[in-house]
Amino acid sequence: MGQGARETILTPALCRAARGLLDWTQTDLADRAAVSRSTIRDYEGRHHDIHRATEAQLRLAFEDGGVKFVEIDGAGTGLCLSTP
């Protein structure tokens, strides 16, 4: 399966929502995921897609921060915060 055929789990809306759950700025996420803030800004603004490796870095940063990605039957991917 080529990269163009994959389904993105971390959509721009989920990226913004996850940052909101953690009260992170784009700069906070960029620092934690080791990507540029402009990459996050452009992705969340739907100016371009992100590479699979970048998506993995962002998702790992969110998971390390306490966000859980959950699949909801019939609704797709949702977010919640893990309990301490």
N, C-alpha and C. Protein backbone atom coordinates (compact mmCIF):
# COMPACT_ATOMS: atom_id res chain seq x y z
N MET A 1 0.85 -1.17 0.00
CA MET A 1 0.00 0.00 0.00
C MET A 1 0.89 1.23 0.00
N GLY A 2 0.68 2.16 -0.93
CA GLY A 2 1.47 3.37 -1.00
C GLY A 2 1.02 4.39 0.01
N GLN A 3 1.85 5.39 0.24
CA GLN A 3 1.53 6.40 1.23
C GLN A 3 0.25 7.14 0.87
N GLY A 4 -0.01 7.36 -0.41
CA GLY A 4 -1.21 8.06 -0.81
C GLY A 4 -2.48 7.28 -0.51
N ALA A 5 -2.40 5.96 -0.38
CA ALA A 5 -3.58 5.13 -0.16
C ALA A 5 -3.92 4.96 1.31
N ARG A 6 -3.07 5.40 2.21
CA ARG A 6 -3.32 5.18 3.63
C ARG A 6 -4.35 6.16 4.16
N GLU A 7 -4.96 5.77 5.26
CA GLU A 7 -5.89 6.66 5.94
C GLU A 7 -5.17 7.30 7.10
N THR A 8 -5.21 8.62 7.17
CA THR A 8 -4.54 9.34 8.25
C THR A 8 -5.36 9.23 9.52
N ILE A 9 -4.70 8.87 10.59
CA ILE A 9 -5.37 8.80 11.89
C ILE A 9 -5.38 10.18 12.54
N LEU A 10 -4.27 10.88 12.45
CA LEU A 10 -4.16 12.19 13.07
C LEU A 10 -4.55 13.26 12.05
N THR A 11 -5.82 13.61 12.03
CA THR A 11 -6.30 14.64 11.12
C THR A 11 -5.92 16.02 11.67
N PRO A 12 -5.97 17.05 10.86
CA PRO A 12 -5.71 18.39 11.38
C PRO A 12 -6.62 18.75 12.57
N ALA A 13 -7.89 18.37 12.48
CA ALA A 13 -8.83 18.67 13.58
C ALA A 13 -8.44 17.92 14.86
N LEU A 14 -8.04 16.65 14.72
CA LEU A 14 -7.61 15.88 15.90
C LEU A 14 -6.34 16.46 16.49
N CYS A 15 -5.46 16.94 15.64
CA CYS A 15 -4.22 17.56 16.11
C CYS A 15 -4.54 18.79 16.96
N ARG A 16 -5.42 19.65 16.47
CA ARG A 16 -5.83 20.83 17.24
C ARG A 16 -6.52 20.43 18.54
N ALA A 17 -7.39 19.41 18.46
CA ALA A 17 -8.12 18.97 19.65
C ALA A 17 -7.18 18.39 20.70
N ALA A 18 -6.21 17.60 20.27
CA ALA A 18 -5.25 17.01 21.21
C ALA A 18 -4.43 18.11 21.88
N ARG A 19 -4.02 19.10 21.11
CA ARG A 19 -3.30 20.22 21.72
C ARG A 19 -4.17 20.92 22.75
N GLY A 20 -5.46 21.07 22.41
CA GLY A 20 -6.38 21.72 23.34
C GLY A 20 -6.54 20.94 24.64
N LEU A 21 -6.63 19.61 24.53
CA LEU A 21 -6.75 18.78 25.74
C LEU A 21 -5.55 18.97 26.66
N LEU A 22 -4.39 19.13 26.06
CA LEU A 22 -3.15 19.25 26.84
C LEU A 22 -2.79 20.71 27.13
N ASP A 23 -3.57 21.64 26.57
CA ASP A 23 -3.27 23.07 26.70
C ASP A 23 -1.87 23.40 26.16
N TRP A 24 -1.55 22.81 25.00
CA TRP A 24 -0.27 23.03 24.34
C TRP A 24 -0.44 24.00 23.18
N THR A 25 0.55 24.85 23.01
CA THR A 25 0.62 25.69 21.83
C THR A 25 1.24 24.88 20.69
N GLN A 26 1.21 25.43 19.50
CA GLN A 26 1.90 24.77 18.38
C GLN A 26 3.38 24.65 18.69
N THR A 27 3.96 25.64 19.33
CA THR A 27 5.38 25.59 19.69
C THR A 27 5.64 24.48 20.70
N ASP A 28 4.76 24.32 21.68
CA ASP A 28 4.91 23.23 22.65
C ASP A 28 4.96 21.88 21.93
N LEU A 29 4.00 21.67 21.03
CA LEU A 29 3.96 20.40 20.29
C LEU A 29 5.20 20.24 19.43
N ALA A 30 5.60 21.29 18.74
CA ALA A 30 6.79 21.22 17.88
C ALA A 30 8.02 20.81 18.69
N ASP A 31 8.18 21.40 19.86
CA ASP A 31 9.33 21.07 20.71
C ASP A 31 9.28 19.61 21.17
N ARG A 32 8.11 19.15 21.58
CA ARG A 32 7.98 17.79 22.09
C ARG A 32 8.08 16.73 20.99
N ALA A 33 7.68 17.09 19.77
CA ALA A 33 7.70 16.13 18.66
C ALA A 33 8.93 16.27 17.78
N ALA A 34 9.75 17.27 18.05
CA ALA A 34 10.96 17.53 17.26
C ALA A 34 10.65 17.77 15.78
N VAL A 35 9.63 18.61 15.55
CA VAL A 35 9.30 19.05 14.20
C VAL A 35 9.19 20.58 14.24
N SER A 36 9.14 21.20 13.08
CA SER A 36 9.06 22.66 13.07
C SER A 36 7.63 23.12 13.37
N ARG A 37 7.52 24.29 13.96
CA ARG A 37 6.20 24.84 14.24
C ARG A 37 5.46 25.11 12.94
N SER A 38 6.19 25.50 11.89
CA SER A 38 5.53 25.77 10.62
C SER A 38 4.89 24.51 10.03
N THR A 39 5.48 23.35 10.29
CA THR A 39 4.88 22.09 9.84
C THR A 39 3.53 21.89 10.51
N ILE A 40 3.47 22.13 11.80
CA ILE A 40 2.22 21.98 12.54
C ILE A 40 1.21 23.03 12.09
N ARG A 41 1.65 24.27 11.98
CA ARG A 41 0.77 25.36 11.54
C ARG A 41 0.16 25.05 10.17
N ASP A 42 1.01 24.64 9.24
CA ASP A 42 0.52 24.36 7.89
C ASP A 42 -0.37 23.14 7.84
N TYR A 43 -0.09 22.13 8.65
CA TYR A 43 -0.92 20.93 8.66
C TYR A 43 -2.28 21.24 9.28
N GLU A 44 -2.27 21.89 10.43
CA GLU A 44 -3.54 22.22 11.07
C GLU A 44 -4.38 23.17 10.22
N GLY A 45 -3.72 24.01 9.44
CA GLY A 45 -4.42 24.93 8.56
C GLY A 45 -4.79 24.32 7.22
N ARG A 46 -4.51 23.03 7.08
CA ARG A 46 -4.82 22.26 5.87
C ARG A 46 -4.12 22.78 4.62
N HIS A 47 -2.91 23.33 4.82
CA HIS A 47 -2.13 23.80 3.68
C HIS A 47 -1.36 22.67 3.01
N HIS A 48 -1.07 21.61 3.76
CA HIS A 48 -0.41 20.42 3.20
C HIS A 48 -0.56 19.24 4.13
N ASP A 49 -0.36 18.05 3.59
CA ASP A 49 -0.38 16.83 4.40
C ASP A 49 0.96 16.68 5.09
N ILE A 50 1.03 15.73 6.01
CA ILE A 50 2.30 15.44 6.67
C ILE A 50 2.73 14.02 6.29
N HIS A 51 4.02 13.80 6.40
CA HIS A 51 4.57 12.47 6.12
C HIS A 51 4.19 11.52 7.26
N ARG A 52 4.21 10.27 6.94
CA ARG A 52 3.87 9.23 7.91
C ARG A 52 4.77 9.32 9.15
N ALA A 53 6.07 9.56 8.95
CA ALA A 53 6.99 9.65 10.08
C ALA A 53 6.67 10.85 10.96
N THR A 54 6.29 11.96 10.36
CA THR A 54 5.92 13.15 11.12
C THR A 54 4.65 12.90 11.92
N GLU A 55 3.69 12.24 11.30
CA GLU A 55 2.45 11.88 12.01
C GLU A 55 2.77 11.02 13.22
N ALA A 56 3.68 10.07 13.06
CA ALA A 56 4.06 9.19 14.17
C ALA A 56 4.72 10.00 15.29
N GLN A 57 5.56 10.97 14.94
CA GLN A 57 6.22 11.80 15.96
C GLN A 57 5.19 12.62 16.73
N LEU A 58 4.23 13.20 16.01
CA LEU A 58 3.21 14.00 16.67
C LEU A 58 2.35 13.13 17.59
N ARG A 59 1.95 11.99 17.06
CA ARG A 59 1.11 11.10 17.86
C ARG A 59 1.84 10.62 19.11
N LEU A 60 3.11 10.27 18.99
CA LEU A 60 3.88 9.84 20.15
C LEU A 60 3.99 10.96 21.18
N ALA A 61 4.21 12.18 20.72
CA ALA A 61 4.28 13.32 21.65
C ALA A 61 2.96 13.47 22.40
N PHE A 62 1.84 13.35 21.67
CA PHE A 62 0.54 13.43 22.33
C PHE A 62 0.34 12.30 23.33
N GLU A 63 0.69 11.09 22.93
CA GLU A 63 0.53 9.94 23.83
C GLU A 63 1.41 10.08 25.06
N ASP A 64 2.65 10.57 24.88
CA ASP A 64 3.53 10.81 26.03
C ASP A 64 2.95 11.88 26.95
N GLY A 65 2.17 12.81 26.37
CA GLY A 65 1.53 13.85 27.16
C GLY A 65 0.26 13.40 27.86
N GLY A 66 -0.23 12.19 27.52
CA GLY A 66 -1.39 11.66 28.20
C GLY A 66 -2.64 11.52 27.34
N VAL A 67 -2.55 11.84 26.05
CA VAL A 67 -3.70 11.70 25.16
C VAL A 67 -3.81 10.25 24.70
N LYS A 68 -5.01 9.74 24.70
CA LYS A 68 -5.27 8.41 24.15
C LYS A 68 -6.13 8.57 22.91
N PHE A 69 -5.74 7.86 21.86
CA PHE A 69 -6.52 7.83 20.62
C PHE A 69 -7.40 6.59 20.69
N VAL A 70 -8.71 6.78 20.54
CA VAL A 70 -9.64 5.67 20.65
C VAL A 70 -10.50 5.59 19.39
N GLU A 71 -10.74 4.38 18.95
CA GLU A 71 -11.62 4.16 17.81
C GLU A 71 -13.04 4.00 18.32
N ILE A 72 -13.94 4.77 17.76
CA ILE A 72 -15.34 4.74 18.15
C ILE A 72 -16.13 4.15 16.99
N ASP A 73 -16.80 3.04 17.26
CA ASP A 73 -17.56 2.37 16.20
C ASP A 73 -18.50 3.34 15.50
N GLY A 74 -18.37 3.39 14.19
CA GLY A 74 -19.24 4.22 13.39
C GLY A 74 -18.91 5.70 13.39
N ALA A 75 -17.91 6.12 14.17
CA ALA A 75 -17.59 7.53 14.27
C ALA A 75 -16.15 7.86 13.95
N GLY A 76 -15.27 6.89 13.94
CA GLY A 76 -13.87 7.15 13.63
C GLY A 76 -13.02 7.26 14.89
N THR A 77 -11.98 8.08 14.82
CA THR A 77 -11.03 8.23 15.90
C THR A 77 -11.43 9.37 16.81
N GLY A 78 -11.36 9.13 18.13
CA GLY A 78 -11.63 10.16 19.12
C GLY A 78 -10.45 10.29 20.07
N LEU A 79 -10.53 11.23 20.97
CA LEU A 79 -9.46 11.51 21.92
C LEU A 79 -9.99 11.53 23.34
N CYS A 80 -9.14 11.15 24.27
CA CYS A 80 -9.43 11.33 25.69
C CYS A 80 -8.10 11.44 26.42
N LEU A 81 -8.16 11.94 27.62
CA LEU A 81 -6.96 12.01 28.46
C LEU A 81 -6.91 10.78 29.34
N SER A 82 -5.71 10.21 29.46
CA SER A 82 -5.56 9.07 30.35
C SER A 82 -5.63 9.55 31.79
N THR A 83 -6.08 8.69 32.66
CA THR A 83 -6.16 9.05 34.07
C THR A 83 -4.79 8.89 34.69
N PRO A 84 -4.47 9.78 35.65
CA PRO A 84 -3.13 9.73 36.26
C PRO A 84 -2.91 8.46 37.07
